Protein backbone atom coordinates (compact mmCIF):
# COMPACT_ATOMS: atom_id res chain seq x y z
CA MET A 1 -58.82 -83.74 -104.18
CA GLN A 2 -55.55 -84.75 -102.54
CA ILE A 3 -54.72 -82.70 -99.46
CA ASN A 4 -51.99 -84.73 -97.74
CA ILE A 5 -48.62 -85.91 -99.08
CA LEU A 6 -49.11 -89.25 -97.26
CA GLU A 7 -51.85 -90.17 -99.73
CA TYR A 8 -49.03 -90.96 -102.18
CA LEU A 9 -47.55 -93.44 -99.71
CA ASP A 10 -50.96 -94.94 -98.96
CA ARG A 11 -51.58 -95.76 -102.62
CA THR A 12 -48.08 -96.95 -103.49
CA SER A 13 -47.65 -99.15 -100.41
CA ALA A 14 -50.96 -100.82 -101.28
CA ASP A 15 -50.13 -101.29 -104.97
CA LEU A 16 -46.41 -102.14 -104.66
CA PRO A 17 -45.91 -103.33 -101.07
CA ASP A 18 -42.80 -105.44 -101.70
CA LYS A 19 -41.01 -103.15 -104.12
CA THR A 20 -37.87 -101.35 -102.90
CA ALA A 21 -38.59 -97.71 -102.20
CA TYR A 22 -35.26 -96.53 -100.77
CA SER A 23 -31.84 -98.15 -100.65
CA ASP A 24 -28.27 -97.14 -99.91
CA GLY A 25 -26.92 -100.05 -101.92
CA GLU A 26 -26.55 -102.27 -98.87
CA HIS A 27 -29.78 -101.81 -96.91
CA SER A 28 -33.25 -101.23 -98.37
CA LEU A 29 -36.81 -100.50 -97.32
CA THR A 30 -39.88 -101.57 -99.28
CA PHE A 31 -42.92 -99.35 -99.61
CA SER A 32 -44.82 -101.40 -97.03
CA GLN A 33 -41.90 -101.12 -94.60
CA VAL A 34 -41.75 -97.35 -95.09
CA SER A 35 -45.49 -97.16 -94.42
CA ASP A 36 -45.21 -99.34 -91.29
CA ILE A 37 -42.34 -97.25 -89.89
CA ALA A 38 -44.24 -94.03 -90.63
CA GLY A 39 -47.23 -95.36 -88.71
CA ALA A 40 -45.13 -96.40 -85.72
CA VAL A 41 -43.22 -93.13 -85.51
CA GLY A 42 -46.43 -91.13 -86.01
CA THR A 43 -48.20 -93.05 -83.25
CA PHE A 44 -45.30 -92.54 -80.82
CA LEU A 45 -45.05 -88.79 -81.43
CA ALA A 46 -48.82 -88.28 -81.33
CA GLY A 47 -48.85 -90.24 -78.07
CA LYS A 48 -46.49 -87.63 -76.63
CA GLY A 49 -49.11 -84.98 -77.32
CA LEU A 50 -47.27 -83.42 -80.25
CA ARG A 51 -49.48 -81.70 -82.85
CA GLY A 52 -48.82 -79.13 -85.54
CA GLU A 53 -45.31 -78.36 -84.35
CA PRO A 54 -41.71 -78.87 -85.46
CA VAL A 55 -40.04 -82.21 -84.78
CA VAL A 56 -36.33 -82.50 -85.48
CA VAL A 57 -35.15 -85.51 -87.47
CA CYS A 58 -31.43 -85.83 -86.84
CA MET A 59 -30.17 -88.96 -88.62
CA LYS A 60 -27.44 -90.00 -90.99
CA LYS A 61 -28.52 -90.23 -94.62
CA SER A 62 -30.32 -93.57 -94.93
CA PRO A 63 -33.59 -95.17 -96.09
CA GLU A 64 -34.81 -94.92 -92.50
CA THR A 65 -34.42 -91.14 -92.57
CA ALA A 66 -37.01 -90.81 -95.33
CA ALA A 67 -39.35 -93.09 -93.37
CA ALA A 68 -38.84 -90.92 -90.27
CA PHE A 69 -39.94 -87.85 -92.26
CA PHE A 70 -43.24 -89.54 -93.10
CA GLY A 71 -43.61 -90.60 -89.47
CA VAL A 72 -43.42 -86.99 -88.29
CA ILE A 73 -45.99 -86.02 -90.91
CA SER A 74 -48.25 -88.90 -89.79
CA ALA A 75 -48.30 -87.34 -86.32
CA GLY A 76 -49.66 -84.11 -87.81
CA CYS A 77 -46.32 -82.36 -87.27
CA TYR A 78 -43.60 -81.08 -89.60
CA TYR A 79 -40.03 -82.25 -89.72
CA VAL A 80 -36.83 -80.22 -89.38
CA PRO A 81 -33.98 -82.30 -90.85
CA PHE A 82 -30.28 -82.43 -89.90
CA ASP A 83 -27.53 -85.00 -90.27
CA ASP A 84 -23.92 -85.56 -89.25
CA GLU A 85 -22.72 -82.98 -91.81
CA THR A 86 -24.40 -80.21 -89.82
CA PRO A 87 -22.03 -78.51 -87.35
CA ARG A 88 -23.15 -78.84 -83.75
CA HIS A 89 -23.13 -75.09 -83.13
CA ARG A 90 -25.51 -74.63 -86.07
CA ILE A 91 -27.82 -77.34 -84.74
CA GLU A 92 -27.82 -75.71 -81.32
CA MET A 93 -28.57 -72.31 -82.86
CA ILE A 94 -31.57 -73.73 -84.70
CA PHE A 95 -32.75 -75.69 -81.65
CA GLU A 96 -32.70 -72.45 -79.70
CA ASN A 97 -34.71 -70.77 -82.45
CA ILE A 98 -37.49 -73.33 -82.92
CA LYS A 99 -37.46 -74.85 -79.41
CA PRO A 100 -38.72 -78.29 -80.49
CA ARG A 101 -40.30 -80.66 -77.99
CA ALA A 102 -38.97 -83.78 -79.71
CA ALA A 103 -36.05 -84.93 -81.84
CA VAL A 104 -35.91 -88.30 -83.59
CA CYS A 105 -32.31 -89.54 -83.81
CA ASP A 106 -30.45 -92.63 -84.91
CA GLU A 107 -27.80 -94.20 -82.69
CA PHE A 108 -24.97 -92.17 -84.22
CA MET A 109 -26.72 -88.80 -83.85
CA LEU A 110 -27.84 -89.58 -80.31
CA GLU A 111 -24.17 -89.84 -79.39
CA PHE A 112 -23.38 -86.75 -81.45
CA LEU A 113 -26.01 -84.65 -79.66
CA LYS A 114 -25.92 -86.03 -76.13
CA ASP A 115 -23.80 -83.13 -74.84
CA ALA A 116 -25.47 -80.46 -76.96
CA GLN A 117 -26.76 -77.41 -75.14
CA ASN A 118 -30.47 -78.02 -75.60
CA LYS A 119 -33.23 -79.35 -73.42
CA CYS A 120 -35.14 -81.11 -76.20
CA PRO A 121 -35.96 -84.77 -75.53
CA LEU A 122 -34.01 -87.06 -77.90
CA TYR A 123 -35.80 -90.23 -79.01
CA ASP A 124 -34.05 -93.26 -80.46
CA PHE A 125 -35.49 -94.03 -83.89
CA ALA A 126 -34.87 -97.76 -83.50
CA ASP A 127 -36.89 -97.83 -80.27
CA ILE A 128 -39.88 -95.80 -81.44
CA CYS A 129 -40.14 -97.94 -84.59
CA GLN A 130 -41.33 -100.72 -82.26
CA THR A 131 -44.39 -98.69 -81.27
CA ARG A 132 -47.67 -100.46 -81.99
CA VAL A 133 -49.53 -98.49 -84.64
CA ASP A 134 -52.74 -96.84 -83.46
CA GLU A 135 -54.70 -96.64 -86.72
CA ALA A 136 -57.66 -94.87 -85.12
CA LEU A 137 -55.42 -92.14 -83.67
CA LEU A 138 -53.63 -91.57 -86.98
CA LEU A 139 -56.96 -91.45 -88.82
CA ARG A 140 -58.28 -88.75 -86.48
CA ILE A 141 -55.12 -86.70 -87.09
CA ARG A 142 -55.45 -87.15 -90.87
CA GLU A 143 -59.13 -86.17 -90.89
CA ALA A 144 -58.37 -82.95 -89.03
CA ALA A 145 -55.55 -81.96 -91.41
CA ILE A 146 -55.79 -79.38 -94.19
CA ASP A 147 -53.52 -78.87 -97.17
CA THR A 148 -51.95 -75.67 -95.87
CA ASP A 149 -50.59 -77.44 -92.78
CA PRO A 150 -46.77 -77.34 -92.77
CA ILE A 151 -44.81 -80.41 -93.87
CA TYR A 152 -41.17 -79.41 -93.28
CA THR A 153 -38.87 -76.56 -92.32
CA VAL A 154 -35.43 -76.58 -93.94
CA PHE A 155 -32.78 -74.14 -92.84
CA THR A 156 -30.69 -72.18 -95.32
CA SER A 157 -27.91 -69.71 -94.66
CA GLY A 158 -28.90 -66.23 -93.52
CA SER A 159 -27.13 -62.94 -94.18
CA THR A 160 -27.23 -62.08 -90.46
CA GLY A 161 -25.50 -65.33 -89.48
CA LEU A 162 -28.75 -66.82 -88.18
CA PRO A 163 -30.02 -69.62 -90.45
CA LYS A 164 -33.37 -69.00 -92.15
CA GLY A 165 -36.02 -71.69 -91.81
CA VAL A 166 -38.18 -72.02 -94.93
CA THR A 167 -41.49 -73.74 -94.15
CA ALA A 168 -43.48 -75.52 -96.86
CA CYS A 169 -46.98 -76.98 -96.68
CA HIS A 170 -48.68 -80.04 -98.12
CA ARG A 171 -50.34 -78.08 -100.91
CA SER A 172 -47.11 -76.52 -102.19
CA VAL A 173 -45.27 -79.88 -102.13
CA ILE A 174 -48.13 -81.71 -103.85
CA ASP A 175 -48.27 -79.01 -106.53
CA TYR A 176 -44.52 -79.29 -107.08
CA ILE A 177 -44.37 -83.10 -107.20
CA GLU A 178 -47.38 -83.38 -109.51
CA ASN A 179 -45.78 -80.97 -111.97
CA LEU A 180 -42.26 -82.36 -111.65
CA THR A 181 -43.20 -86.00 -112.15
CA GLY A 182 -45.42 -85.15 -115.12
CA THR A 183 -42.89 -82.90 -116.84
CA LEU A 184 -39.90 -85.19 -116.31
CA ARG A 185 -42.03 -88.29 -116.99
CA PHE A 186 -41.12 -90.26 -113.88
CA ASP A 187 -42.87 -93.63 -113.46
CA SER A 188 -42.52 -96.92 -111.62
CA ASP A 189 -39.58 -97.90 -113.85
CA THR A 190 -37.58 -94.86 -112.73
CA VAL A 191 -34.52 -95.60 -110.63
CA PHE A 192 -33.19 -92.43 -109.01
CA GLY A 193 -29.62 -91.81 -107.92
CA ASN A 194 -30.04 -89.34 -105.07
CA GLN A 195 -27.20 -86.83 -104.64
CA ALA A 196 -28.75 -84.13 -102.45
CA PRO A 197 -28.49 -84.27 -98.65
CA LEU A 198 -31.81 -85.07 -97.01
CA TYR A 199 -31.72 -81.85 -94.99
CA VAL A 200 -32.22 -79.61 -98.05
CA ASP A 201 -35.25 -79.21 -100.29
CA ALA A 202 -33.36 -80.52 -103.34
CA CYS A 203 -34.00 -84.08 -102.15
CA LEU A 204 -37.75 -83.65 -102.76
CA LYS A 205 -37.20 -84.48 -106.43
CA ASP A 206 -36.33 -88.09 -105.71
CA ILE A 207 -37.63 -88.77 -102.18
CA TYR A 208 -41.18 -87.57 -102.84
CA SER A 209 -41.39 -88.55 -106.52
CA THR A 210 -40.59 -92.10 -105.39
CA ILE A 211 -43.72 -92.41 -103.26
CA LYS A 212 -45.82 -90.65 -105.90
CA VAL A 213 -44.99 -92.95 -108.85
CA GLY A 214 -43.65 -96.08 -107.14
CA ALA A 215 -40.07 -95.55 -108.26
CA THR A 216 -36.90 -96.61 -106.44
CA THR A 217 -34.29 -94.24 -105.02
CA PHE A 218 -30.68 -95.16 -104.27
CA LEU A 219 -29.14 -92.83 -101.69
CA ILE A 220 -25.63 -92.52 -103.10
CA PRO A 221 -22.92 -92.41 -100.40
CA ARG A 222 -21.57 -88.88 -100.31
CA GLN A 223 -17.93 -89.98 -100.37
CA LEU A 224 -18.40 -91.36 -103.89
CA PHE A 225 -18.75 -87.82 -105.21
CA MET A 226 -15.01 -87.44 -104.63
CA PHE A 227 -14.24 -90.38 -106.95
CA PRO A 228 -15.80 -89.94 -110.41
CA LEU A 229 -15.09 -93.43 -111.77
CA LYS A 230 -16.33 -95.17 -108.61
CA LEU A 231 -19.45 -93.01 -108.78
CA ILE A 232 -20.12 -94.08 -112.36
CA ASP A 233 -19.57 -97.70 -111.35
CA TYR A 234 -22.21 -97.26 -108.62
CA LEU A 235 -24.70 -95.83 -111.13
CA ASN A 236 -24.13 -98.78 -113.43
CA GLU A 237 -24.21 -101.42 -110.70
CA HIS A 238 -27.67 -100.30 -109.54
CA GLU A 239 -28.96 -99.53 -113.05
CA ILE A 240 -29.78 -95.95 -112.11
CA ASN A 241 -31.58 -94.24 -114.99
CA ALA A 242 -32.44 -90.79 -113.58
CA ILE A 243 -30.17 -88.31 -111.81
CA CYS A 244 -31.36 -84.95 -110.50
CA TRP A 245 -28.14 -83.33 -109.30
CA VAL A 246 -26.63 -79.95 -108.65
CA VAL A 247 -24.35 -78.74 -111.43
CA SER A 248 -21.19 -79.06 -109.34
CA ALA A 249 -21.74 -82.84 -108.99
CA LEU A 250 -22.03 -83.24 -112.75
CA THR A 251 -19.04 -81.06 -113.58
CA MET A 252 -16.95 -82.99 -111.06
CA ILE A 253 -17.35 -86.03 -113.34
CA SER A 254 -16.98 -84.30 -116.71
CA GLY A 255 -14.28 -81.90 -115.51
CA PHE A 256 -12.01 -84.81 -114.61
CA ASP A 257 -12.70 -86.39 -118.03
CA ALA A 258 -14.18 -89.47 -116.34
CA LEU A 259 -16.78 -89.77 -119.11
CA GLU A 260 -13.98 -90.59 -121.54
CA LYS A 261 -13.14 -93.67 -119.48
CA SER A 262 -16.58 -94.86 -118.37
CA VAL A 263 -20.21 -93.99 -119.05
CA PRO A 264 -23.30 -94.31 -116.81
CA ARG A 265 -24.91 -96.51 -119.42
CA HIS A 266 -28.42 -96.77 -117.91
CA VAL A 267 -28.99 -93.02 -117.37
CA ARG A 268 -31.75 -91.64 -119.58
CA LEU A 269 -32.55 -88.43 -117.69
CA VAL A 270 -30.13 -85.82 -116.37
CA ALA A 271 -31.91 -82.99 -114.54
CA PHE A 272 -29.75 -80.27 -113.05
CA GLY A 273 -30.04 -76.96 -111.26
CA GLY A 274 -28.70 -74.78 -108.48
CA GLU A 275 -26.16 -73.04 -110.70
CA VAL A 276 -25.43 -72.27 -114.34
CA PHE A 277 -24.22 -75.39 -116.19
CA PRO A 278 -21.19 -74.39 -118.33
CA VAL A 279 -21.98 -75.39 -121.90
CA VAL A 280 -18.51 -76.90 -122.32
CA GLN A 281 -19.29 -79.40 -119.55
CA LEU A 282 -22.88 -79.97 -120.69
CA ASN A 283 -21.67 -80.88 -124.16
CA LYS A 284 -19.36 -83.53 -122.69
CA TRP A 285 -22.34 -85.12 -120.98
CA ARG A 286 -24.50 -84.93 -124.09
CA ALA A 287 -21.76 -86.54 -126.17
CA ALA A 288 -21.39 -89.36 -123.63
CA LEU A 289 -25.17 -89.93 -123.32
CA PRO A 290 -26.64 -89.11 -126.76
CA GLU A 291 -29.96 -90.83 -125.98
CA ALA A 292 -30.53 -89.12 -122.64
CA ARG A 293 -32.80 -86.16 -121.95
CA PHE A 294 -31.18 -83.14 -120.30
CA VAL A 295 -33.38 -80.74 -118.33
CA ASN A 296 -32.30 -77.46 -116.75
CA LEU A 297 -34.29 -76.68 -113.59
CA TYR A 298 -34.55 -73.33 -111.84
CA GLY A 299 -36.22 -72.29 -108.63
CA PRO A 300 -35.68 -71.21 -105.01
CA THR A 301 -36.30 -73.03 -101.75
CA GLU A 302 -38.94 -70.41 -100.99
CA ALA A 303 -41.03 -71.72 -103.91
CA THR A 304 -40.76 -75.39 -102.85
CA GLY A 305 -37.85 -76.41 -105.03
CA MET A 306 -37.94 -75.81 -108.76
CA SER A 307 -40.24 -73.40 -110.57
CA CYS A 308 -39.06 -73.48 -114.20
CA TYR A 309 -37.66 -76.03 -116.62
CA TYR A 310 -35.96 -76.17 -119.99
CA GLU A 311 -35.39 -79.44 -121.82
CA VAL A 312 -32.28 -79.09 -123.94
CA ASP A 313 -33.58 -79.40 -127.49
CA ARG A 314 -30.77 -77.89 -129.54
CA ASP A 315 -27.02 -77.57 -129.66
CA PHE A 316 -25.31 -74.77 -127.74
CA GLY A 317 -21.95 -73.23 -128.49
CA PRO A 318 -19.40 -72.42 -125.77
CA ASP A 319 -20.38 -68.74 -125.84
CA GLU A 320 -24.07 -69.42 -125.23
CA THR A 321 -26.04 -69.83 -122.01
CA LEU A 322 -28.81 -72.31 -121.35
CA PRO A 323 -32.32 -70.92 -120.82
CA VAL A 324 -34.20 -71.78 -117.65
CA GLY A 325 -37.19 -72.03 -119.94
CA ARG A 326 -40.76 -71.78 -118.82
CA PRO A 327 -42.62 -72.12 -115.52
CA PHE A 328 -44.21 -75.34 -114.40
CA ARG A 329 -47.98 -75.54 -114.76
CA ASN A 330 -49.78 -73.49 -112.09
CA THR A 331 -46.68 -71.33 -111.50
CA GLY A 332 -46.42 -67.73 -112.68
CA ILE A 333 -43.22 -65.83 -113.45
CA LEU A 334 -43.04 -62.04 -113.42
CA LEU A 335 -40.05 -59.89 -114.40
CA ILE A 336 -40.30 -56.72 -112.34
CA LYS A 337 -38.08 -53.67 -112.82
CA ASP A 338 -36.97 -51.44 -109.96
CA ASP A 339 -39.90 -49.08 -110.61
CA GLY A 340 -42.40 -51.90 -110.16
CA GLN A 341 -43.22 -52.09 -113.85
CA ALA A 342 -43.04 -55.27 -115.89
CA ALA A 343 -39.85 -55.65 -117.92
CA GLY A 344 -40.40 -55.19 -121.63
CA GLU A 345 -38.92 -57.10 -124.54
CA GLY A 346 -35.15 -57.33 -124.15
CA GLU A 347 -35.25 -55.71 -120.69
CA THR A 348 -34.06 -57.30 -117.49
CA GLY A 349 -36.03 -57.50 -114.28
CA GLU A 350 -36.14 -59.31 -110.97
CA ILE A 351 -37.59 -62.80 -111.31
CA CYS A 352 -40.68 -63.01 -109.10
CA ILE A 353 -42.81 -66.12 -108.58
CA ARG A 354 -46.50 -66.47 -107.86
CA GLY A 355 -48.76 -69.46 -107.35
CA THR A 356 -49.52 -72.39 -105.07
CA ALA A 357 -45.87 -73.46 -104.96
CA LEU A 358 -44.95 -70.54 -102.69
CA THR A 359 -43.99 -71.71 -99.23
CA LEU A 360 -45.39 -70.32 -95.99
CA GLY A 361 -42.34 -68.12 -95.45
CA TYR A 362 -39.57 -68.03 -92.84
CA TRP A 363 -40.12 -69.79 -89.53
CA GLY A 364 -40.50 -67.30 -86.71
CA ASP A 365 -39.41 -64.33 -88.85
CA PHE A 366 -42.41 -62.36 -90.05
CA ALA A 367 -40.30 -59.31 -90.89
CA LYS A 368 -38.09 -61.26 -93.29
CA THR A 369 -41.13 -63.03 -94.72
CA ASP A 370 -42.86 -59.71 -95.38
CA GLU A 371 -39.69 -58.39 -97.01
CA CYS A 372 -39.46 -61.23 -99.54
CA PHE A 373 -43.08 -62.36 -99.94
CA VAL A 374 -44.76 -59.18 -101.13
CA GLN A 375 -47.90 -57.92 -102.80
CA ASN A 376 -47.83 -58.31 -106.56
CA PRO A 377 -47.10 -54.74 -107.77
CA ARG A 378 -49.04 -55.49 -110.96
CA ASN A 379 -52.21 -56.21 -108.99
CA ASP A 380 -54.01 -53.44 -107.09
CA ALA A 381 -57.36 -55.21 -106.80
CA TYR A 382 -56.86 -57.92 -104.18
CA ARG A 383 -54.26 -59.59 -101.99
CA GLU A 384 -51.79 -61.66 -104.04
CA LEU A 385 -48.37 -62.60 -102.76
CA ILE A 386 -45.33 -63.10 -104.95
CA TYR A 387 -41.83 -64.16 -103.95
CA ARG A 388 -38.94 -61.89 -104.91
CA THR A 389 -36.07 -64.21 -105.78
CA GLY A 390 -33.30 -61.60 -105.97
CA ASP A 391 -32.39 -63.10 -109.36
CA ILE A 392 -32.25 -60.98 -112.50
CA GLY A 393 -33.66 -62.44 -115.70
CA ARG A 394 -34.84 -61.62 -119.20
CA TYR A 395 -36.63 -63.35 -122.05
CA ASN A 396 -34.73 -64.39 -125.17
CA GLU A 397 -35.99 -64.15 -128.75
CA SER A 398 -37.80 -67.48 -128.36
CA GLY A 399 -39.68 -66.33 -125.26
CA GLU A 400 -37.56 -68.51 -122.98
CA LEU A 401 -36.60 -67.20 -119.55
CA MET A 402 -32.88 -66.57 -119.16
CA PHE A 403 -31.10 -66.25 -115.81
CA VAL A 404 -28.79 -63.21 -115.95
CA SER A 405 -27.34 -62.83 -112.47
CA ARG A 406 -28.01 -62.44 -108.78
CA ARG A 407 -29.04 -58.95 -107.75
CA ASP A 408 -26.52 -59.06 -104.90
CA ASN A 409 -23.75 -60.06 -107.33
CA GLN A 410 -23.87 -56.70 -109.10
CA ILE A 411 -21.06 -54.31 -108.15
CA LYS A 412 -19.85 -50.85 -109.12
CA HIS A 413 -16.22 -50.86 -110.20
CA MET A 414 -14.15 -48.23 -112.04
CA GLY A 415 -17.36 -46.37 -112.83
CA HIS A 416 -18.99 -49.42 -114.39
CA ARG A 417 -21.77 -51.69 -113.22
CA ILE A 418 -20.46 -55.24 -113.35
CA GLU A 419 -22.28 -58.55 -112.97
CA LEU A 420 -19.95 -61.02 -111.28
CA GLY A 421 -21.96 -63.75 -112.99
CA GLU A 422 -20.85 -62.48 -116.37
CA ILE A 423 -17.17 -62.85 -115.44
CA GLU A 424 -17.90 -66.35 -114.12
CA ALA A 425 -19.79 -67.29 -117.28
CA VAL A 426 -16.86 -66.25 -119.47
CA ALA A 427 -14.31 -68.07 -117.31
CA GLY A 428 -16.49 -71.17 -117.24
CA LYS A 429 -16.40 -71.40 -121.03
CA LEU A 430 -12.69 -72.16 -120.97
CA ASP A 431 -12.20 -75.90 -121.30
CA GLY A 432 -10.23 -77.24 -118.36
CA THR A 433 -12.07 -75.22 -115.72
CA ARG A 434 -14.72 -77.14 -113.80
CA GLY A 435 -15.75 -74.50 -111.27
CA VAL A 436 -15.41 -70.71 -111.11
CA CYS A 437 -16.40 -68.01 -108.66
CA CYS A 438 -15.63 -64.30 -108.72
CA VAL A 439 -15.69 -62.22 -105.54
CA PHE A 440 -15.24 -58.48 -105.02
CA ASP A 441 -13.52 -56.90 -102.03
CA ASP A 442 -15.19 -53.52 -101.64
CA ALA A 443 -12.44 -52.25 -99.32
CA SER A 444 -9.55 -52.90 -101.69
CA LYS A 445 -11.71 -52.58 -104.84
CA LYS A 446 -10.20 -55.79 -106.19
CA LEU A 447 -11.81 -58.59 -108.19
CA THR A 448 -10.62 -62.12 -107.44
CA LEU A 449 -11.45 -65.14 -109.56
CA TYR A 450 -11.21 -68.59 -107.95
CA TYR A 451 -11.30 -71.67 -110.14
CA ALA A 452 -10.70 -75.41 -110.06
CA GLY A 453 -9.47 -77.40 -113.01
CA SER A 454 -6.47 -78.41 -115.05
CA ARG A 455 -5.62 -75.01 -116.52
CA ALA A 456 -2.67 -73.00 -115.19
CA ASP A 457 -3.58 -69.63 -113.71
CA ALA A 458 -1.50 -67.89 -116.39
CA GLU A 459 -3.63 -69.54 -119.09
CA VAL A 460 -6.84 -68.42 -117.41
CA ALA A 461 -5.48 -64.89 -117.01
CA SER A 462 -4.50 -64.69 -120.66
CA TYR A 463 -7.89 -65.97 -121.79
CA LEU A 464 -9.79 -63.45 -119.63
CA LYS A 465 -7.68 -60.54 -120.83
CA GLU A 466 -8.61 -61.47 -124.38
CA THR A 467 -12.33 -61.93 -123.72
CA LEU A 468 -13.27 -59.37 -121.05
CA PRO A 469 -13.15 -55.57 -120.98
CA ARG A 470 -10.24 -54.23 -118.93
CA TYR A 471 -12.51 -53.03 -116.11
CA MET A 472 -13.94 -56.55 -115.74
CA THR A 473 -10.63 -58.40 -115.72
CA PRO A 474 -9.91 -59.91 -112.27
CA HIS A 475 -6.91 -58.52 -110.39
CA LEU A 476 -6.16 -61.93 -108.89
CA ILE A 477 -6.69 -65.41 -110.31
CA ILE A 478 -6.37 -68.20 -107.78
CA LYS A 479 -6.44 -71.90 -108.54
CA ILE A 480 -7.87 -74.13 -105.81
CA ASP A 481 -8.28 -77.90 -105.57
CA GLU A 482 -12.04 -77.88 -105.12
CA MET A 483 -14.74 -75.25 -104.79
CA PRO A 484 -16.22 -74.98 -101.28
CA LEU A 485 -19.91 -75.81 -101.44
CA THR A 486 -22.91 -74.91 -99.32
CA ALA A 487 -25.30 -77.57 -98.05
CA ASN A 488 -27.37 -77.07 -101.22
CA GLY A 489 -24.37 -77.90 -103.38
CA LYS A 490 -23.87 -74.33 -104.55
CA ILE A 491 -20.51 -72.57 -104.49
CA ASP A 492 -19.96 -71.02 -101.06
CA ARG A 493 -19.13 -67.40 -101.90
CA LYS A 494 -18.80 -66.41 -98.27
CA ALA A 495 -16.12 -69.03 -97.70
CA LEU A 496 -14.15 -67.78 -100.69
CA GLY A 497 -14.65 -64.16 -99.74
CA SER A 498 -13.09 -64.80 -96.34
CA LYS A 499 -9.87 -66.23 -97.81
């Protein structure tokens, strides 16, 4: 039985030592090089007496960053990732929270952090890569490890202003990667185009699947996501055949009609998640790539990435919504109503997740962990934790799980309960909009819809008046150049709400 994520790297570096594992298009690392770097970094950190504790990896997005992650794990520790996109005050806040005893940095981030208000030792990645590997030491660490040891802590936004650190373990990541690679049929011929930053859990899909199946991942430069045609050229140049992106990255291409000018001709798998994919935009992608598979993924960071999948197997009209489908193997989905009872046919309920994929909870915050990771209300016989996602769902006539809305996106307005997601779904069906977000100001009792796209605000207003009840029609409709996004690639509602 596999108990450590590094067993993937052990096997692949032995079978495919000279194959490229990670590349940014200019610089690459083979599997044997990744393994060698992991051993050197692991030996250095273990030599400093670090065990079972957080180690910050603060590096620009690069092949070396992925290798550094595995180095931290080799030392029997767990990594906490940041890069140059992370504001310094946020880094300092998290440093103060976790109080790490080591941070691995590249040359750029060493300069970035040298005046930061923390007392954590900063180690130069290039220097510690020269450490002579102590195989005996690393073997002792591996033999003492168990599968519930933590592997990473990634920080997401918190409602109190303090970032929340979600900590996953080897077992939950192994469970996720085994299911993901099997369901999406990744193999050694897969060439990933990585979009997600390496400091969020979304990157697991390509970074960890690569070492599992012996694939290759290209870390796409983030600036290319501002230039759709150049991005497509990059995909074609490197013969990328699998992209696992947030919806906003895909709609950026289709919303600017780039697919009418150029097509990513090697892509055979498009997996997406994070937000609802407007059917209008999905259909543009399906028309451009008729031979490709399209898979909708759903799941929270607290359940190690994605928990459910739906492979698009039929045509959808502009008024329809994609299912999120069914749970991965060894993952259970419960729909729980406010009274703790299971939602019946046609009823909505909070989507709750159970199974091995649940993470260990929030770093250093047992109260928040106990609030969200709770006893299964359908089980009064023994201890069984489930994660409350805060998402509302229902099952359709085919038994497929449908995402309805966020619980915290439900408001009371003019005597009516309104799901902001419903307004967004309707607005997103209008061709010429490539991003929509509706916010509610409780003080003024006004609904504001923000959107990006080619449509004039008067056209959007007219369309919504025709398609929405009067009490759901936004008071203000504001066109913006681009939607502000969180680190996970989701629309940043807080940023819009503060405008």
